[in-house]
Amino acid sequence: MAFWKRAEPAPRQPAPHPKVLLHNFRELASEVPDFGTDAAGRVAAARWLGRAVELVRVADKNAADSIAHHAFRAGDTNAHVRQWAVNGAVLTFHSVLAKLELQVSADPSGSEMFGPGAVYDFARALRSVVQGAESTVLLIDPYLDQGIFDLLGDLFKNVHTKLLCRQMAAGALVQLAGSFVTQHGTKVEIRSSADLHDRVIAVDARTCWVAGQSFKDAAKSKATYLAPLEPAVSLEKIRHYDNVWTLSTVVFP
């Protein structure tokens, strides 16, 4: 009789949009610790290496395994081995970062353009951005409609979803929100505000994207775009809409 049971594989998390992933890589690259040998240095190094392994695994599993191998040796008592391990881990991380930058550099602006009629392409790009969320996603559009729930069905249950629209659009969303939450178990909040003009997607309170048209009408008859904002601008935009959210009217639940 077996005394163990094979663990069920964890559901595969949707890959974040390459530009969201690149932002996360650059953010972690700016936080490389000094890998000191005192207690604080060892803790900082372990945290950074652990985050590096998990982030790189999204882009390149073999590279993530290599960093994990080097991370194991980064605590070696031999200074030469320790330095070899640290150099190997950081070099591998930056190698994957460079490949990702080349992948994204085809469009230097980071934006994507969609011609009239490219409704499916816009929806696919928007879905890719939203599915990159790990903890929160804030969707802002004065004219949100029930179709927004089609984007949210693949989010993990621990992702807190916030929808912000104008009052006239909120009623239709509420009709589906209860059923959506019951089926998917995802936390959803809906609020309304008259102080809305942009179409914004904020992912994990770090990255921010703007769309040229309302999500429900994007690319139907006119060209539109979906573009990431620079990190500093993203944080400013997120802070602004956090304030708007706080002052907005609760619609659901």
Protein backbone atom coordinates (compact mmCIF):
# COMPACT_ATOMS: atom_id res chain seq x y z
CA MET A 1 0.00 0.00 0.00
CA ALA A 2 1.40 3.37 -1.00
CA PHE A 3 1.97 5.91 1.73
CA TRP A 4 2.05 8.88 -0.61
CA LYS A 5 -0.19 10.34 -3.24
CA ARG A 6 0.95 12.11 -6.37
CA ALA A 7 0.20 15.83 -6.04
CA GLU A 8 -2.13 17.29 -8.59
CA PRO A 9 -0.33 19.77 -10.83
CA ALA A 10 -1.11 23.40 -10.03
CA PRO A 11 -3.15 25.18 -12.68
CA ARG A 12 -0.90 27.00 -15.11
CA GLN A 13 -0.98 30.74 -14.59
CA PRO A 14 -1.65 32.75 -17.73
CA ALA A 15 1.56 34.34 -19.00
CA PRO A 16 1.61 38.10 -18.46
CA HIS A 17 1.85 40.41 -21.44
CA PRO A 18 5.52 40.66 -22.59
CA LYS A 19 5.57 44.39 -21.84
CA VAL A 20 4.22 43.83 -18.33
CA LEU A 21 6.80 41.08 -17.84
CA LEU A 22 9.58 43.38 -19.07
CA HIS A 23 8.51 46.04 -16.58
CA ASN A 24 8.73 43.47 -13.75
CA PHE A 25 12.19 42.35 -14.94
CA ARG A 26 13.49 45.92 -15.01
CA GLU A 27 12.04 46.61 -11.59
CA LEU A 28 13.81 43.58 -10.09
CA ALA A 29 17.03 44.42 -11.95
CA SER A 30 17.07 47.78 -10.18
CA GLU A 31 16.91 46.05 -6.79
CA VAL A 32 19.96 43.76 -6.99
CA PRO A 33 21.41 43.60 -3.42
CA ASP A 34 25.11 43.75 -2.60
CA PHE A 35 25.08 40.07 -1.57
CA GLY A 36 26.90 40.80 1.69
CA THR A 37 27.94 37.98 4.00
CA ASP A 38 26.34 39.34 7.17
CA ALA A 39 22.87 38.20 8.26
CA ALA A 40 21.05 41.10 6.60
CA GLY A 41 22.98 40.60 3.37
CA ARG A 42 22.18 36.89 3.27
CA VAL A 43 18.48 37.54 3.79
CA ALA A 44 18.39 40.22 1.07
CA ALA A 45 20.26 37.93 -1.31
CA ALA A 46 17.93 34.99 -0.65
CA ARG A 47 14.85 37.15 -1.21
CA TRP A 48 16.17 38.58 -4.47
CA LEU A 49 17.30 35.23 -5.82
CA GLY A 50 13.96 33.64 -4.94
CA ARG A 51 12.06 36.39 -6.76
CA ALA A 52 14.45 36.12 -9.71
CA VAL A 53 13.85 32.38 -10.05
CA GLU A 54 10.06 32.74 -10.08
CA LEU A 55 10.08 35.71 -12.47
CA VAL A 56 12.53 34.12 -14.91
CA ARG A 57 10.55 30.87 -14.86
CA VAL A 58 7.71 32.70 -16.64
CA ALA A 59 10.02 33.51 -19.55
CA ASP A 60 12.57 30.68 -19.60
CA LYS A 61 12.32 27.55 -17.41
CA ASN A 62 15.88 26.39 -18.15
CA ALA A 63 17.29 29.76 -17.16
CA ALA A 64 15.23 29.69 -13.96
CA ASP A 65 16.68 26.26 -13.12
CA SER A 66 20.16 27.66 -13.71
CA ILE A 67 19.54 30.58 -11.34
CA ALA A 68 18.13 28.20 -8.74
CA HIS A 69 21.30 26.08 -9.01
CA HIS A 70 23.51 29.13 -8.55
CA ALA A 71 21.32 30.39 -5.71
CA PHE A 72 21.91 27.12 -3.85
CA ARG A 73 25.67 27.76 -3.98
CA ALA A 74 25.40 31.49 -3.20
CA GLY A 75 25.55 30.71 0.52
CA ASP A 76 28.74 28.64 0.27
CA THR A 77 31.39 29.34 2.91
CA ASN A 78 34.08 29.41 0.21
CA ALA A 79 34.31 33.01 -1.02
CA HIS A 80 35.32 31.99 -4.56
CA VAL A 81 32.40 29.56 -4.91
CA ARG A 82 30.03 32.13 -3.46
CA GLN A 83 31.18 34.81 -5.91
CA TRP A 84 30.95 32.36 -8.84
CA ALA A 85 27.38 31.52 -7.84
CA VAL A 86 26.30 35.15 -7.46
CA ASN A 87 27.86 36.15 -10.77
CA GLY A 88 26.21 33.22 -12.53
CA ALA A 89 22.77 33.99 -11.14
CA VAL A 90 22.91 37.70 -11.98
CA LEU A 91 24.39 37.06 -15.43
CA THR A 92 21.64 34.57 -16.29
CA PHE A 93 18.96 36.98 -15.06
CA HIS A 94 20.29 39.81 -17.23
CA SER A 95 20.62 37.49 -20.20
CA VAL A 96 16.91 36.68 -20.04
CA LEU A 97 16.15 40.37 -19.52
CA ALA A 98 18.12 41.25 -22.66
CA LYS A 99 16.24 38.66 -24.72
CA LEU A 100 12.93 40.01 -23.46
CA GLU A 101 13.97 43.56 -24.36
CA LEU A 102 14.77 42.41 -27.90
CA GLN A 103 11.39 40.72 -28.11
CA VAL A 104 9.55 43.87 -27.08
CA SER A 105 11.75 46.34 -28.98
CA ALA A 106 9.92 45.71 -32.27
CA ASP A 107 7.64 48.55 -31.16
CA PRO A 108 9.84 51.14 -29.38
CA SER A 109 6.81 53.02 -28.07
CA GLY A 110 5.52 49.88 -26.39
CA SER A 111 2.07 50.57 -27.78
CA GLU A 112 -0.06 48.44 -30.05
CA MET A 113 -2.20 49.88 -32.82
CA PHE A 114 -5.42 48.34 -34.08
CA GLY A 115 -7.05 49.32 -37.33
CA PRO A 116 -10.78 49.59 -37.96
CA GLY A 117 -12.35 46.15 -37.64
CA ALA A 118 -9.51 44.61 -35.59
CA VAL A 119 -11.90 43.89 -32.73
CA TYR A 120 -10.56 40.41 -32.02
CA ASP A 121 -6.92 41.56 -31.99
CA PHE A 122 -7.71 44.33 -29.52
CA ALA A 123 -9.67 41.98 -27.26
CA ARG A 124 -6.82 39.45 -27.32
CA ALA A 125 -4.25 42.11 -26.40
CA LEU A 126 -6.44 43.48 -23.62
CA ARG A 127 -7.03 39.96 -22.31
CA SER A 128 -3.27 39.34 -22.25
CA VAL A 129 -2.69 42.46 -20.15
CA VAL A 130 -5.46 41.60 -17.68
CA GLN A 131 -4.34 37.98 -17.32
CA GLY A 132 -0.93 39.18 -16.16
CA ALA A 133 -2.45 40.25 -12.83
CA GLU A 134 -1.25 38.41 -9.74
CA SER A 135 -3.03 40.35 -6.99
CA THR A 136 -5.20 43.21 -8.30
CA VAL A 137 -6.60 44.57 -11.52
CA LEU A 138 -8.41 47.90 -11.83
CA LEU A 139 -10.42 48.46 -15.01
CA ILE A 140 -11.62 52.01 -15.63
CA ASP A 141 -13.97 52.91 -18.47
CA PRO A 142 -16.93 55.29 -18.30
CA TYR A 143 -18.92 52.93 -20.55
CA LEU A 144 -18.04 49.47 -19.24
CA ASP A 145 -20.54 46.81 -20.24
CA GLN A 146 -21.17 43.15 -19.42
CA GLY A 147 -18.61 42.01 -21.97
CA ILE A 148 -15.86 42.94 -19.53
CA PHE A 149 -16.58 39.73 -17.61
CA ASP A 150 -15.36 37.73 -20.62
CA LEU A 151 -11.88 39.09 -19.84
CA LEU A 152 -12.02 38.13 -16.19
CA GLY A 153 -12.97 34.45 -16.32
CA ASP A 154 -9.36 33.20 -16.44
CA LEU A 155 -8.07 35.28 -13.54
CA PHE A 156 -6.98 33.40 -10.45
CA LYS A 157 -9.34 33.49 -7.49
CA ASN A 158 -6.90 35.53 -5.40
CA VAL A 159 -6.97 38.41 -7.88
CA HIS A 160 -9.06 41.29 -6.56
CA THR A 161 -10.91 42.91 -9.48
CA LYS A 162 -12.18 46.48 -9.31
CA LEU A 163 -14.41 47.98 -12.01
CA LEU A 164 -14.92 51.73 -12.17
CA CYS A 165 -17.44 53.28 -14.55
CA ARG A 166 -20.16 55.93 -14.72
CA GLN A 167 -23.47 55.36 -13.01
CA MET A 168 -25.38 54.77 -16.25
CA ALA A 169 -23.16 51.74 -17.05
CA ALA A 170 -23.09 50.25 -13.56
CA GLY A 171 -26.60 48.75 -13.54
CA ALA A 172 -25.92 46.31 -16.38
CA LEU A 173 -22.69 45.16 -14.71
CA VAL A 174 -24.43 44.36 -11.44
CA GLN A 175 -26.81 41.97 -13.21
CA LEU A 176 -23.89 39.67 -14.07
CA ALA A 177 -21.52 40.40 -11.20
CA GLY A 178 -23.28 38.22 -8.63
CA SER A 179 -23.40 35.21 -10.95
CA PHE A 180 -19.78 35.73 -11.97
CA VAL A 181 -18.56 35.80 -8.38
CA THR A 182 -20.63 32.72 -7.50
CA GLN A 183 -19.15 30.73 -10.37
CA HIS A 184 -15.53 31.89 -10.26
CA GLY A 185 -15.07 32.77 -6.60
CA THR A 186 -13.20 35.94 -7.57
CA LYS A 187 -13.56 39.10 -5.48
CA VAL A 188 -15.21 41.79 -7.60
CA GLU A 189 -16.09 45.34 -6.65
CA ILE A 190 -17.95 47.83 -8.83
CA ARG A 191 -18.08 51.56 -8.21
CA SER A 192 -19.28 54.54 -10.20
CA SER A 193 -17.98 58.08 -10.56
CA ALA A 194 -18.73 61.07 -12.75
CA ASP A 195 -15.02 61.98 -12.71
CA LEU A 196 -13.99 59.54 -15.45
CA HIS A 197 -12.59 60.26 -18.89
CA ASP A 198 -9.81 57.71 -19.46
CA ARG A 199 -9.86 54.03 -20.32
CA VAL A 200 -7.26 52.55 -17.96
CA ILE A 201 -6.03 49.13 -16.88
CA ALA A 202 -3.91 49.05 -13.72
CA VAL A 203 -2.27 45.71 -12.96
CA ASP A 204 -1.01 44.85 -9.46
CA ALA A 205 -0.89 48.59 -8.62
CA ARG A 206 2.38 48.81 -10.57
CA THR A 207 1.79 48.85 -14.31
CA CYS A 208 -0.74 50.99 -16.08
CA TRP A 209 -2.14 50.82 -19.61
CA VAL A 210 -4.39 53.22 -21.48
CA ALA A 211 -6.72 52.54 -24.40
CA GLY A 212 -7.77 54.97 -27.09
CA GLN A 213 -11.43 53.95 -27.06
CA SER A 214 -13.96 52.40 -24.73
CA PHE A 215 -13.26 48.68 -24.32
CA LYS A 216 -16.65 47.69 -25.67
CA ASP A 217 -16.28 49.70 -28.91
CA ALA A 218 -12.52 49.53 -29.46
CA ALA A 219 -11.51 49.03 -33.10
CA LYS A 220 -15.08 48.43 -34.28
CA SER A 221 -15.13 51.31 -36.75
CA LYS A 222 -12.09 53.46 -35.90
CA ALA A 223 -8.42 52.78 -35.27
CA THR A 224 -7.34 52.65 -31.64
CA TYR A 225 -4.38 51.79 -29.44
CA LEU A 226 -3.39 50.02 -26.22
CA ALA A 227 -0.27 51.48 -24.63
CA PRO A 228 1.69 51.00 -21.40
CA LEU A 229 2.70 54.09 -19.43
CA GLU A 230 6.18 54.72 -18.11
CA PRO A 231 6.64 53.45 -14.51
CA ALA A 232 6.62 56.91 -12.92
CA VAL A 233 3.55 57.97 -14.92
CA SER A 234 1.86 54.66 -14.08
CA LEU A 235 2.26 55.23 -10.36
CA GLU A 236 0.97 58.79 -10.67
CA LYS A 237 -2.06 57.60 -12.65
CA ILE A 238 -2.73 54.80 -10.15
CA ARG A 239 -2.53 57.21 -7.22
CA HIS A 240 -5.02 59.52 -8.93
CA TYR A 241 -7.53 56.76 -9.55
CA ASP A 242 -7.06 55.31 -6.09
CA ASN A 243 -8.35 58.65 -4.82
CA VAL A 244 -11.20 58.61 -7.33
CA TRP A 245 -12.07 55.06 -6.23
CA THR A 246 -12.15 56.08 -2.57
CA LEU A 247 -14.58 58.90 -3.30
CA SER A 248 -16.74 56.94 -5.77
CA THR A 249 -20.15 55.39 -5.15
CA VAL A 250 -20.25 51.71 -4.16
CA VAL A 251 -22.42 49.75 -6.59
CA PHE A 252 -21.42 46.12 -5.89
CA PRO A 253 -21.35 44.25 -3.61
